[in-house]
Amino acid sequence: MAKVTRDDVARLAGTSTAVVSYVINNGPRPVAPATRERVQAAIAQLGYRPDRVAQAMASRRTDLIGLIVPDARQPFFGEMAHAVEQAASDRGKMVLVGNSDYLDDREIHYLRAFLGMRVSGLILISQGPSANAAAEIEAWDARIVLLHERPEAIDEYAVVTDDIGGAQLATRHLLEHGHEYVACLGGTEKTPVLGDPVTDHVEGWRRAMRESGRSTEGRLFQAPYNRYDAYKVGLELLAGPDRPPAIFCATDDQAIGVLRAARELRIDVPGGLAVAGFDDVKEAALTDPPLTTVASDREAMARAAVDLVLDDSLRVNHGRRDRLRQFPSRLVVRASCGCQ
């Protein structure tokens, strides 16, 4: 049986092959609804299947978007990846996902692999890539959008949330409950000093403490981002003689670990310890007690990132600040802070 071609579809639908292409690719030019229906009916009748490889060779772009995350096992990154996938699907694109495991070499590996596949663009959730990664991006001259944070090493389009402002909101709220001070669970020694969300969360905590006239000295504690290691840190911190009255955690995973440690030590939350997190992962509403946290509009951020990857009209060559899209943070109040 002869292979069905785009010419066959155009002949049956009574249109040009260009119009068939616009229907298949959902653009770049609009197609009248009646004409679109004729083309789609002809495709169905003939059983036509577009040759995606040939399309990629002709346009030098596939219908794929690359997404690199630090660790998809962490709920925040998993939920962000899902939001990107949904936004890409709405634009007729598919998403390839790679996990960097917070390793620069692995991040570069996925950069090269995805860009070598001629993806339409790349969305990068990075934890402070090195100059090598920045040079790799520049060498490919690719469409890159940074999501969640823009490290200092990379001057690309970025879609972020107000990390500092959100942390200030959470810390202020804990202080408004009358606590003497609020401790902070921040990042680790490997957390970048600039261009990292956890670093900004710690800075927001510092600002809220300073504006209330409270010292931060000796009240910042290092902890890995995941709940399991944060649980171990929580056990040590909460069992000590100087147990803080309230803790702001830089991530919800850390806060979930602290809540587990408090339960094991028979510390009442929020009666004996108030806790707040950052990210508003879905599990935050299911902890005991439910976790007060800071939320961002992940769906809107994902749509903005995908649009910036695909739409040339949105990409303006102005200053670094002009290439930044910042979304507000909001406080989600639940019971772990002491509110009913």
C-alpha atoms as a PDB file:
ATOM      1  CA  MET A   1       0.000   0.000   0.000  1.00  0.00           C
ATOM      2  CA  ALA A   2       1.363   3.403  -1.009  1.00  0.00           C
ATOM      3  CA  LYS A   3       2.243   5.760   1.812  1.00  0.00           C
ATOM      4  CA  VAL A   4      -0.318   8.509   2.368  1.00  0.00           C
ATOM      5  CA  THR A   5       1.248  11.941   1.890  1.00  0.00           C
ATOM      6  CA  ARG A   6       0.345  15.472   2.776  1.00  0.00           C
ATOM      7  CA  ASP A   7      -0.494  16.046  -0.908  1.00  0.00           C
ATOM      8  CA  ASP A   8      -3.127  13.303  -0.671  1.00  0.00           C
ATOM      9  CA  VAL A   9      -4.714  15.002   2.353  1.00  0.00           C
ATOM     10  CA  ALA A  10      -4.718  18.378   0.612  1.00  0.00           C
ATOM     11  CA  ARG A  11      -6.304  16.898  -2.527  1.00  0.00           C
ATOM     12  CA  LEU A  12      -9.103  15.210  -0.584  1.00  0.00           C
ATOM     13  CA  ALA A  13      -9.770  18.264   1.600  1.00  0.00           C
ATOM     14  CA  GLY A  14      -9.619  20.655  -1.353  1.00  0.00           C
ATOM     15  CA  THR A  15      -6.909  22.799   0.210  1.00  0.00           C
ATOM     16  CA  SER A  16      -3.213  23.515  -0.250  1.00  0.00           C
ATOM     17  CA  THR A  17      -0.503  21.488   1.478  1.00  0.00           C
ATOM     18  CA  ALA A  18       0.392  24.641   3.439  1.00  0.00           C
ATOM     19  CA  VAL A  19      -3.080  24.691   4.995  1.00  0.00           C
ATOM     20  CA  VAL A  20      -2.722  21.021   5.910  1.00  0.00           C
ATOM     21  CA  SER A  21       0.572  21.909   7.602  1.00  0.00           C
ATOM     22  CA  TYR A  22      -1.076  24.744   9.555  1.00  0.00           C
ATOM     23  CA  VAL A  23      -3.740  22.347  10.838  1.00  0.00           C
ATOM     24  CA  ILE A  24      -1.234  19.642  11.810  1.00  0.00           C
ATOM     25  CA  ASN A  25       1.116  22.081  13.530  1.00  0.00           C
ATOM     26  CA  ASN A  26      -1.621  24.311  14.948  1.00  0.00           C
ATOM     27  CA  GLY A  27      -0.090  27.307  13.160  1.00  0.00           C
ATOM     28  CA  PRO A  28       1.710  29.504  12.469  1.00  0.00           C
ATOM     29  CA  ARG A  29      -1.268  30.859  10.506  1.00  0.00           C
ATOM     30  CA  PRO A  30      -4.921  30.500  11.545  1.00  0.00           C
ATOM     31  CA  VAL A  31      -7.254  28.181   9.639  1.00  0.00           C
ATOM     32  CA  ALA A  32     -11.013  28.734   9.322  1.00  0.00           C
ATOM     33  CA  PRO A  33     -13.024  26.238  11.421  1.00  0.00           C
ATOM     34  CA  ALA A  34     -14.814  24.721   8.389  1.00  0.00           C
ATOM     35  CA  THR A  35     -11.529  24.241   6.529  1.00  0.00           C
ATOM     36  CA  ARG A  36      -9.894  22.751   9.628  1.00  0.00           C
ATOM     37  CA  GLU A  37     -12.740  20.237   9.920  1.00  0.00           C
ATOM     38  CA  ARG A  38     -12.303  19.205   6.251  1.00  0.00           C
ATOM     39  CA  VAL A  39      -8.578  18.681   6.736  1.00  0.00           C
ATOM     40  CA  GLN A  40      -9.059  16.703   9.937  1.00  0.00           C
ATOM     41  CA  ALA A  41     -11.731  14.555   8.235  1.00  0.00           C
ATOM     42  CA  ALA A  42      -9.365  13.870   5.329  1.00  0.00           C
ATOM     43  CA  ILE A  43      -6.555  12.924   7.741  1.00  0.00           C
ATOM     44  CA  ALA A  44      -8.867  10.504   9.532  1.00  0.00           C
ATOM     45  CA  GLN A  45     -10.234   9.005   6.310  1.00  0.00           C
ATOM     46  CA  LEU A  46      -6.800   8.453   4.758  1.00  0.00           C
ATOM     47  CA  GLY A  47      -5.100   7.429   8.009  1.00  0.00           C
ATOM     48  CA  TYR A  48      -2.372  10.016   7.478  1.00  0.00           C
ATOM     49  CA  ARG A  49       0.453  10.140  10.051  1.00  0.00           C
ATOM     50  CA  PRO A  50       2.895  13.089   9.952  1.00  0.00           C
ATOM     51  CA  ASP A  51       6.578  12.216   9.652  1.00  0.00           C
ATOM     52  CA  ARG A  52       7.907  13.934  12.756  1.00  0.00           C
ATOM     53  CA  VAL A  53      11.514  13.160  11.939  1.00  0.00           C
ATOM     54  CA  ALA A  54      11.202  14.768   8.513  1.00  0.00           C
ATOM     55  CA  GLN A  55       9.497  17.781  10.071  1.00  0.00           C
ATOM     56  CA  ALA A  56      12.343  18.173  12.557  1.00  0.00           C
ATOM     57  CA  MET A  57      14.946  17.946   9.805  1.00  0.00           C
ATOM     58  CA  ALA A  58      13.130  20.579   7.753  1.00  0.00           C
ATOM     59  CA  SER A  59      12.436  23.034  10.562  1.00  0.00           C
ATOM     60  CA  ARG A  60      15.491  22.203  12.718  1.00  0.00           C
ATOM     61  CA  ARG A  61      13.034  21.922  15.621  1.00  0.00           C
ATOM     62  CA  THR A  62      10.982  19.036  17.020  1.00  0.00           C
ATOM     63  CA  ASP A  63       7.712  19.213  18.905  1.00  0.00           C
ATOM     64  CA  LEU A  64       9.655  18.447  22.093  1.00  0.00           C
ATOM     65  CA  ILE A  65      10.546  20.679  25.037  1.00  0.00           C
ATOM     66  CA  GLY A  66      13.401  19.672  27.316  1.00  0.00           C
ATOM     67  CA  LEU A  67      12.970  20.074  31.083  1.00  0.00           C
ATOM     68  CA  ILE A  68      15.830  19.617  33.554  1.00  0.00           C
ATOM     69  CA  VAL A  69      15.011  19.457  37.269  1.00  0.00           C
ATOM     70  CA  PRO A  70      17.287  18.851  40.277  1.00  0.00           C
ATOM     71  CA  ASP A  71      15.309  15.864  41.614  1.00  0.00           C
ATOM     72  CA  ALA A  72      11.828  14.857  40.433  1.00  0.00           C
ATOM     73  CA  ARG A  73      11.429  12.705  43.559  1.00  0.00           C
ATOM     74  CA  GLN A  74      10.945  15.880  45.575  1.00  0.00           C
ATOM     75  CA  PRO A  75       7.254  16.855  45.484  1.00  0.00           C
ATOM     76  CA  PHE A  76       7.823  20.486  44.495  1.00  0.00           C
ATOM     77  CA  PHE A  77       9.838  19.582  41.406  1.00  0.00           C
ATOM     78  CA  GLY A  78       7.458  16.743  40.529  1.00  0.00           C
ATOM     79  CA  GLU A  79       4.476  19.090  40.687  1.00  0.00           C
ATOM     80  CA  MET A  80       6.317  21.748  38.679  1.00  0.00           C
ATOM     81  CA  ALA A  81       7.251  19.175  36.026  1.00  0.00           C
ATOM     82  CA  HIS A  82       3.596  18.119  35.790  1.00  0.00           C
ATOM     83  CA  ALA A  83       2.508  21.747  35.370  1.00  0.00           C
ATOM     84  CA  VAL A  84       5.052  22.229  32.567  1.00  0.00           C
ATOM     85  CA  GLU A  85       3.866  19.033  30.867  1.00  0.00           C
ATOM     86  CA  GLN A  86       0.247  20.217  30.980  1.00  0.00           C
ATOM     87  CA  ALA A  87       1.137  23.647  29.593  1.00  0.00           C
ATOM     88  CA  ALA A  88       3.228  22.076  26.826  1.00  0.00           C
ATOM     89  CA  SER A  89       0.428  19.651  25.936  1.00  0.00           C
ATOM     90  CA  ASP A  90      -1.938  22.590  25.503  1.00  0.00           C
ATOM     91  CA  ARG A  91       0.517  23.924  22.913  1.00  0.00           C
ATOM     92  CA  GLY A  92       0.790  20.576  21.110  1.00  0.00           C
ATOM     93  CA  LYS A  93       4.236  19.808  22.528  1.00  0.00           C
ATOM     94  CA  MET A  94       5.713  16.953  24.534  1.00  0.00           C
ATOM     95  CA  VAL A  95       8.242  17.173  27.375  1.00  0.00           C
ATOM     96  CA  LEU A  96      11.480  15.283  27.943  1.00  0.00           C
ATOM     97  CA  VAL A  97      12.533  15.298  31.612  1.00  0.00           C
ATOM     98  CA  GLY A  98      16.045  14.862  32.992  1.00  0.00           C
ATOM     99  CA  ASN A  99      17.158  14.827  36.636  1.00  0.00           C
ATOM    100  CA  SER A 100      20.444  16.589  37.377  1.00  0.00           C
ATOM    101  CA  ASP A 101      20.617  15.306  40.981  1.00  0.00           C
ATOM    102  CA  TYR A 102      22.108  18.709  41.846  1.00  0.00           C
ATOM    103  CA  LEU A 103      25.249  17.742  39.873  1.00  0.00           C
ATOM    104  CA  ASP A 104      26.705  20.202  37.386  1.00  0.00           C
ATOM    105  CA  ASP A 105      28.138  17.473  35.143  1.00  0.00           C
ATOM    106  CA  ARG A 106      24.778  15.764  34.860  1.00  0.00           C
ATOM    107  CA  GLU A 107      23.054  19.050  34.132  1.00  0.00           C
ATOM    108  CA  ILE A 108      25.486  19.652  31.260  1.00  0.00           C
ATOM    109  CA  HIS A 109      24.886  16.082  30.044  1.00  0.00           C
ATOM    110  CA  TYR A 110      21.156  16.736  29.703  1.00  0.00           C
ATOM    111  CA  LEU A 111      21.755  20.169  28.181  1.00  0.00           C
ATOM    112  CA  ARG A 112      23.805  18.582  25.404  1.00  0.00           C
ATOM    113  CA  ALA A 113      21.471  15.607  24.971  1.00  0.00           C
ATOM    114  CA  PHE A 114      18.231  17.599  24.733  1.00  0.00           C
ATOM    115  CA  LEU A 115      19.623  20.380  22.569  1.00  0.00           C
ATOM    116  CA  GLY A 116      21.197  17.743  20.333  1.00  0.00           C
ATOM    117  CA  MET A 117      17.711  16.308  19.832  1.00  0.00           C
ATOM    118  CA  ARG A 118      16.653  19.683  18.391  1.00  0.00           C
ATOM    119  CA  VAL A 119      14.066  20.399  21.053  1.00  0.00           C
ATOM    120  CA  SER A 120      11.968  23.507  20.492  1.00  0.00           C
ATOM    121  CA  GLY A 121      13.502  24.913  23.654  1.00  0.00           C
ATOM    122  CA  LEU A 122      14.720  24.053  27.111  1.00  0.00           C
ATOM    123  CA  ILE A 123      13.249  24.850  30.524  1.00  0.00           C
ATOM    124  CA  LEU A 124      15.882  24.654  33.220  1.00  0.00           C
ATOM    125  CA  ILE A 125      15.265  24.402  36.967  1.00  0.00           C
ATOM    126  CA  SER A 126      18.821  24.794  38.166  1.00  0.00           C
ATOM    127  CA  GLN A 127      20.503  24.987  41.539  1.00  0.00           C
ATOM    128  CA  GLY A 128      23.279  27.369  40.583  1.00  0.00           C
ATOM    129  CA  PRO A 129      25.028  25.981  37.469  1.00  0.00           C
ATOM    130  CA  SER A 130      28.707  26.615  36.910  1.00  0.00           C
ATOM    131  CA  ALA A 131      30.330  28.764  34.262  1.00  0.00           C
ATOM    132  CA  ASN A 132      30.707  25.544  32.219  1.00  0.00           C
ATOM    133  CA  ALA A 133      26.931  25.144  32.018  1.00  0.00           C
ATOM    134  CA  ALA A 134      26.515  28.802  31.127  1.00  0.00           C
ATOM    135  CA  ALA A 135      29.106  28.413  28.354  1.00  0.00           C
ATOM    136  CA  GLU A 136      27.301  25.325  27.057  1.00  0.00           C
ATOM    137  CA  ILE A 137      24.039  27.260  26.812  1.00  0.00           C
ATOM    138  CA  GLU A 138      25.737  30.121  24.970  1.00  0.00           C
ATOM    139  CA  ALA A 139      27.475  27.732  22.553  1.00  0.00           C
ATOM    140  CA  TRP A 140      24.176  26.175  21.446  1.00  0.00           C
ATOM    141  CA  ASP A 141      22.442  29.549  21.001  1.00  0.00           C
ATOM    142  CA  ALA A 142      19.280  27.815  22.174  1.00  0.00           C
ATOM    143  CA  ARG A 143      15.953  28.970  23.540  1.00  0.00           C
ATOM    144  CA  ILE A 144      16.448  28.620  27.280  1.00  0.00           C
ATOM    145  CA  VAL A 145      14.005  29.636  30.011  1.00  0.00           C
ATOM    146  CA  LEU A 146      14.966  29.381  33.668  1.00  0.00           C
ATOM    147  CA  LEU A 147      12.137  28.361  35.969  1.00  0.00           C
ATOM    148  CA  HIS A 148      11.970  28.771  39.748  1.00  0.00           C
ATOM    149  CA  GLU A 149      15.169  30.875  39.955  1.00  0.00           C
ATOM    150  CA  ARG A 150      17.795  32.567  37.783  1.00  0.00           C
ATOM    151  CA  PRO A 151      21.372  31.855  38.918  1.00  0.00           C
ATOM    152  CA  GLU A 152      23.879  34.655  38.507  1.00  0.00           C
ATOM    153  CA  ALA A 153      25.937  32.597  36.044  1.00  0.00           C
ATOM    154  CA  ILE A 154      23.157  32.574  33.424  1.00  0.00           C
ATOM    155  CA  ASP A 155      21.618  35.673  31.836  1.00  0.00           C
ATOM    156  CA  GLU A 156      18.565  34.071  30.212  1.00  0.00           C
ATOM    157  CA  TYR A 157      14.800  34.560  30.390  1.00  0.00           C
ATOM    158  CA  ALA A 158      13.502  33.544  33.802  1.00  0.00           C
ATOM    159  CA  VAL A 159      10.132  32.852  35.412  1.00  0.00           C
ATOM    160  CA  VAL A 160      10.310  33.062  39.210  1.00  0.00           C
ATOM    161  CA  THR A 161       8.213  33.580  42.297  1.00  0.00           C
ATOM    162  CA  ASP A 162       8.847  36.189  45.010  1.00  0.00           C
ATOM    163  CA  ASP A 163      10.946  33.948  47.234  1.00  0.00           C
ATOM    164  CA  ILE A 164      12.218  36.653  49.572  1.00  0.00           C
ATOM    165  CA  GLY A 165       8.812  38.268  50.006  1.00  0.00           C
ATOM    166  CA  GLY A 166       7.114  34.928  50.601  1.00  0.00           C
ATOM    167  CA  ALA A 167       9.587  33.961  53.327  1.00  0.00           C
ATOM    168  CA  GLN A 168       9.049  37.339  54.966  1.00  0.00           C
ATOM    169  CA  LEU A 169       5.292  36.716  55.004  1.00  0.00           C
ATOM    170  CA  ALA A 170       5.680  33.339  56.722  1.00  0.00           C
ATOM    171  CA  THR A 171       8.201  34.578  59.300  1.00  0.00           C
ATOM    172  CA  ARG A 172       6.153  37.664  60.146  1.00  0.00           C
ATOM    173  CA  HIS A 173       3.093  35.497  60.616  1.00  0.00           C
ATOM    174  CA  LEU A 174       4.897  33.243  63.085  1.00  0.00           C
ATOM    175  CA  LEU A 175       6.181  36.267  64.998  1.00  0.00           C
ATOM    176  CA  GLU A 176       2.673  37.722  65.155  1.00  0.00           C
ATOM    177  CA  HIS A 177       1.722  34.708  67.285  1.00  0.00           C
ATOM    178  CA  GLY A 178       3.915  36.188  70.006  1.00  0.00           C
ATOM    179  CA  HIS A 179       6.950  33.922  69.782  1.00  0.00           C
ATOM    180  CA  GLU A 180      10.214  35.251  71.194  1.00  0.00           C
ATOM    181  CA  TYR A 181      11.936  34.434  67.926  1.00  0.00           C
ATOM    182  CA  VAL A 182      11.692  32.203  64.849  1.00  0.00           C
ATOM    183  CA  ALA A 183      14.494  29.806  63.941  1.00  0.00           C
ATOM    184  CA  CYS A 184      15.171  28.901  60.314  1.00  0.00           C
ATOM    185  CA  LEU A 185      15.997  25.616  58.606  1.00  0.00           C
ATOM    186  CA  GLY A 186      17.968  26.711  55.550  1.00  0.00           C
ATOM    187  CA  GLY A 187      20.105  24.864  53.030  1.00  0.00           C
ATOM    188  CA  THR A 188      23.473  23.152  53.232  1.00  0.00           C
ATOM    189  CA  GLU A 189      27.084  24.188  52.712  1.00  0.00           C
ATOM    190  CA  LYS A 190      26.619  23.444  48.993  1.00  0.00           C
ATOM    191  CA  THR A 191      23.671  25.814  48.602  1.00  0.00           C
ATOM    192  CA  PRO A 192      24.748  28.663  46.267  1.00  0.00           C
ATOM    193  CA  VAL A 193      25.146  32.038  47.936  1.00  0.00           C
ATOM    194  CA  LEU A 194      23.348  33.782  45.039  1.00  0.00           C
ATOM    195  CA  GLY A 195      20.618  32.752  42.652  1.00  0.00           C
ATOM    196  CA  ASP A 196      19.071  29.943  44.695  1.00  0.00           C
ATOM    197  CA  PRO A 197      15.498  29.884  46.070  1.00  0.00           C
ATOM    198  CA  VAL A 198      16.547  28.454  49.448  1.00  0.00           C
ATOM    199  CA  THR A 199      19.112  31.233  49.843  1.00  0.00           C
ATOM    200  CA  ASP A 200      16.349  33.757  49.105  1.00  0.00           C
ATOM    201  CA  HIS A 201      14.042  32.077  51.629  1.00  0.00           C
ATOM    202  CA  VAL A 202      16.731  32.460  54.278  1.00  0.00           C
ATOM    203  CA  GLU A 203      17.188  36.112  53.279  1.00  0.00           C
ATOM    204  CA  GLY A 204      13.439  36.705  53.650  1.00  0.00           C
ATOM    205  CA  TRP A 205      13.564  35.172  57.138  1.00  0.00           C
ATOM    206  CA  ARG A 206      16.507  37.413  58.043  1.00  0.00           C
ATOM    207  CA  ARG A 207      14.687  40.539  56.856  1.00  0.00           C
ATOM    208  CA  ALA A 208      11.548  39.715  58.840  1.00  0.00           C
ATOM    209  CA  MET A 209      13.593  39.036  61.974  1.00  0.00           C
ATOM    210  CA  ARG A 210      15.591  42.258  61.600  1.00  0.00           C
ATOM    211  CA  GLU A 211      12.544  44.423  60.976  1.00  0.00           C
ATOM    212  CA  SER A 212      11.031  43.054  64.191  1.00  0.00           C
ATOM    213  CA  GLY A 213      14.192  43.897  66.135  1.00  0.00           C
ATOM    214  CA  ARG A 214      15.180  40.265  66.715  1.00  0.00           C
ATOM    215  CA  SER A 215      18.602  38.746  66.262  1.00  0.00           C
ATOM    216  CA  THR A 216      19.289  35.917  63.820  1.00  0.00           C
ATOM    217  CA  GLU A 217      22.559  34.937  65.506  1.00  0.00           C
ATOM    218  CA  GLY A 218      22.690  31.204  66.205  1.00  0.00           C
ATOM    219  CA  ARG A 219      19.160  30.691  64.926  1.00  0.00           C
ATOM    220  CA  LEU A 220      19.879  29.490  61.373  1.00  0.00           C
ATOM    221  CA  PHE A 221      20.386  25.732  61.004  1.00  0.00           C
ATOM    222  CA  GLN A 222      21.595  23.778  57.997  1.00  0.00           C
ATOM    223  CA  ALA A 223      19.489  20.937  56.647  1.00  0.00           C
ATOM    224  CA  PRO A 224      19.184  19.027  53.356  1.00  0.00           C
ATOM    225  CA  TYR A 225      16.058  19.826  51.358  1.00  0.00           C
ATOM    226  CA  ASN A 226      14.414  16.412  51.682  1.00  0.00           C
ATOM    227  CA  ARG A 227      12.146  15.380  54.540  1.00  0.00           C
ATOM    228  CA  TYR A 228      14.148  12.326  55.585  1.00  0.00           C
ATOM    229  CA  ASP A 229      17.382  14.159  56.356  1.00  0.00           C
ATOM    230  CA  ALA A 230      15.477  17.159  57.725  1.00  0.00           C
ATOM    231  CA  TYR A 231      13.752  14.765  60.133  1.00  0.00           C
ATOM    232  CA  LYS A 232      17.169  13.775  61.538  1.00  0.00           C
ATOM    233  CA  VAL A 233      18.156  17.428  61.904  1.00  0.00           C
ATOM    234  CA  GLY A 234      14.809  18.087  63.571  1.00  0.00           C
ATOM    235  CA  LEU A 235      15.339  15.316  66.122  1.00  0.00           C
ATOM    236  CA  GLU A 236      18.667  16.807  67.181  1.00  0.00           C
ATOM    237  CA  LEU A 237      17.418  20.394  67.229  1.00  0.00           C
ATOM    238  CA  LEU A 238      14.168  19.735  69.070  1.00  0.00           C
ATOM    239  CA  ALA A 239      15.709  17.399  71.657  1.00  0.00           C
ATOM    240  CA  GLY A 240      18.326  19.995  72.634  1.00  0.00           C
ATOM    241  CA  PRO A 241      18.153  22.385  75.596  1.00  0.00           C
ATOM    242  CA  ASP A 242      17.550  25.443  73.406  1.00  0.00           C
ATOM    243  CA  ARG A 243      14.535  24.253  71.473  1.00  0.00           C
ATOM    244  CA  PRO A 244      13.145  27.122  69.384  1.00  0.00           C
ATOM    245  CA  PRO A 245       9.520  28.178  69.905  1.00  0.00           C
ATOM    246  CA  ALA A 246       8.913  28.437  66.154  1.00  0.00           C
ATOM    247  CA  ILE A 247      10.659  27.280  62.984  1.00  0.00           C
ATOM    248  CA  PHE A 248      10.423  28.560  59.427  1.00  0.00           C
ATOM    249  CA  CYS A 249      11.587  25.882  56.975  1.00  0.00           C
ATOM    250  CA  ALA A 250      12.944  26.805  53.555  1.00  0.00           C
ATOM    251  CA  THR A 251      11.001  23.929  51.942  1.00  0.00           C
ATOM    252  CA  ASP A 252       7.830  22.015  52.769  1.00  0.00           C
ATOM    253  CA  ASP A 253       9.793  18.761  52.679  1.00  0.00           C
ATOM    254  CA  GLN A 254      11.972  20.060  55.507  1.00  0.00           C
ATOM    255  CA  ALA A 255       8.874  21.141  57.439  1.00  0.00           C
ATOM    256  CA  ILE A 256       7.287  17.707  57.015  1.00  0.00           C
ATOM    257  CA  GLY A 257      10.471  16.163  58.421  1.00  0.00           C
ATOM    258  CA  VAL A 258      10.376  18.553  61.408  1.00  0.00           C
ATOM    259  CA  LEU A 259       6.721  17.707  62.083  1.00  0.00           C
ATOM    260  CA  ARG A 260       7.613  14.012  62.141  1.00  0.00           C
ATOM    261  CA  ALA A 261      10.480  14.653  64.560  1.00  0.00           C
ATOM    262  CA  ALA A 262       8.206  16.705  66.843  1.00  0.00           C
ATOM    263  CA  ARG A 263       5.632  13.908  66.917  1.00  0.00           C
ATOM    264  CA  GLU A 264       8.294  11.354  67.790  1.00  0.00           C
ATOM    265  CA  LEU A 265       9.557  13.577  70.633  1.00  0.00           C
ATOM    266  CA  ARG A 266       5.968  14.149  71.839  1.00  0.00           C
ATOM    267  CA  ILE A 267       6.155  17.894  71.218  1.00  0.00           C
ATOM    268  CA  ASP A 268       2.743  19.424  70.608  1.00  0.00           C
ATOM    269  CA  VAL A 269       2.442  21.372  67.357  1.00  0.00           C
ATOM    270  CA  PRO A 270       1.480  24.194  67.503  1.00  0.00           C
ATOM    271  CA  GLY A 271       1.198  24.301  71.311  1.00  0.00           C
ATOM    272  CA  GLY A 272       4.891  23.644  71.993  1.00  0.00           C
ATOM    273  CA  LEU A 273       6.290  24.430  68.558  1.00  0.00           C
ATOM    274  CA  ALA A 274       4.987  26.458  65.616  1.00  0.00           C
ATOM    275  CA  VAL A 275       6.094  25.414  62.103  1.00  0.00           C
ATOM    276  CA  ALA A 276       5.805  26.976  58.651  1.00  0.00           C
ATOM    277  CA  GLY A 277       7.196  25.887  55.280  1.00  0.00           C
ATOM    278  CA  PHE A 278       7.565  27.093  51.717  1.00  0.00           C
ATOM    279  CA  ASP A 279       6.200  25.618  48.438  1.00  0.00           C
ATOM    280  CA  ASP A 280       2.658  24.459  49.324  1.00  0.00           C
ATOM    281  CA  VAL A 281       3.095  20.951  47.921  1.00  0.00           C
ATOM    282  CA  LYS A 282      -0.121  18.946  47.941  1.00  0.00           C
ATOM    283  CA  GLU A 283       0.949  16.929  50.998  1.00  0.00           C
ATOM    284  CA  ALA A 284       1.195  20.123  53.067  1.00  0.00           C
ATOM    285  CA  ALA A 285      -2.578  20.081  53.531  1.00  0.00           C
ATOM    286  CA  LEU A 286      -2.476  16.457  54.754  1.00  0.00           C
ATOM    287  CA  THR A 287       0.161  16.686  57.502  1.00  0.00           C
ATOM    288  CA  ASP A 288      -0.859  16.519  61.165  1.00  0.00           C
ATOM    289  CA  PRO A 289      -1.457  19.323  61.857  1.00  0.00           C
ATOM    290  CA  PRO A 290      -1.874  20.772  58.348  1.00  0.00           C
ATOM    291  CA  LEU A 291       1.135  22.882  57.393  1.00  0.00           C
ATOM    292  CA  THR A 292       1.123  26.669  57.097  1.00  0.00           C
ATOM    293  CA  THR A 293       3.214  27.468  54.046  1.00  0.00           C
ATOM    294  CA  VAL A 294       3.939  29.833  51.154  1.00  0.00           C
ATOM    295  CA  ALA A 295       2.373  29.123  47.770  1.00  0.00           C
ATOM    296  CA  SER A 296       3.197  30.182  44.222  1.00  0.00           C
ATOM    297  CA  ASP A 297       1.071  29.891  41.099  1.00  0.00           C
ATOM    298  CA  ARG A 298       2.918  26.936  39.544  1.00  0.00           C
ATOM    299  CA  GLU A 299       0.422  26.529  36.711  1.00  0.00           C
ATOM    300  CA  ALA A 300       0.747  30.168  35.622  1.00  0.00           C
ATOM    301  CA  MET A 301       4.528  30.025  35.951  1.00  0.00           C
ATOM    302  CA  ALA A 302       4.679  26.862  33.838  1.00  0.00           C
ATOM    303  CA  ARG A 303       2.494  28.433  31.131  1.00  0.00           C
ATOM    304  CA  ALA A 304       4.688  31.532  31.104  1.00  0.00           C
ATOM    305  CA  ALA A 305       7.841  29.409  30.757  1.00  0.00           C
ATOM    306  CA  VAL A 306       6.400  27.347  27.897  1.00  0.00           C
ATOM    307  CA  ASP A 307       5.161  30.491  26.123  1.00  0.00           C
ATOM    308  CA  LEU A 308       8.605  32.084  26.397  1.00  0.00           C
ATOM    309  CA  VAL A 309      10.171  28.965  24.903  1.00  0.00           C
ATOM    310  CA  LEU A 310       7.792  28.857  21.951  1.00  0.00           C
ATOM    311  CA  ASP A 311       6.813  32.459  21.157  1.00  0.00           C
ATOM    312  CA  ASP A 312       9.414  34.728  19.587  1.00  0.00           C
ATOM    313  CA  SER A 313       7.160  37.750  20.110  1.00  0.00           C
ATOM    314  CA  LEU A 314       7.577  37.440  23.898  1.00  0.00           C
ATOM    315  CA  ARG A 315      11.363  37.397  23.778  1.00  0.00           C
ATOM    316  CA  VAL A 316      12.720  40.949  23.860  1.00  0.00           C
ATOM    317  CA  ASN A 317      16.411  41.740  23.865  1.00  0.00           C
ATOM    318  CA  HIS A 318      16.470  44.317  26.609  1.00  0.00           C
ATOM    319  CA  GLY A 319      18.204  44.271  29.989  1.00  0.00           C
ATOM    320  CA  ARG A 320      18.422  41.417  32.463  1.00  0.00           C
ATOM    321  CA  ARG A 321      15.502  42.762  34.503  1.00  0.00           C
ATOM    322  CA  ASP A 322      13.252  42.948  31.406  1.00  0.00           C
ATOM    323  CA  ARG A 323      13.791  39.234  30.832  1.00  0.00           C
ATOM    324  CA  LEU A 324      12.478  38.378  34.306  1.00  0.00           C
ATOM    325  CA  ARG A 325       8.854  37.376  34.931  1.00  0.00           C
ATOM    326  CA  GLN A 326       8.162  37.401  38.677  1.00  0.00           C
ATOM    327  CA  PHE A 327       4.966  35.975  40.155  1.00  0.00           C
ATOM    328  CA  PRO A 328       3.792  36.911  43.670  1.00  0.00           C
ATOM    329  CA  SER A 329       3.895  34.537  46.623  1.00  0.00           C
ATOM    330  CA  ARG A 330       0.980  34.132  49.031  1.00  0.00           C
ATOM    331  CA  LEU A 331       0.684  32.797  52.557  1.00  0.00           C
ATOM    332  CA  VAL A 332      -1.504  29.710  53.047  1.00  0.00           C
ATOM    333  CA  VAL A 333      -2.532  29.629  56.704  1.00  0.00           C
ATOM    334  CA  ARG A 334      -3.270  26.269  58.291  1.00  0.00           C
ATOM    335  CA  ALA A 335      -2.988  24.901  61.830  1.00  0.00           C
ATOM    336  CA  SER A 336       0.753  24.285  62.286  1.00  0.00           C
ATOM    337  CA  CYS A 337       1.422  27.971  63.013  1.00  0.00           C
ATOM    338  CA  GLY A 338      -1.165  28.181  65.793  1.00  0.00           C
ATOM    339  CA  CYS A 339      -4.150  29.419  63.778  1.00  0.00           C
ATOM    340  CA  GLN A 340      -7.390  27.495  64.073  1.00  0.00           C
END
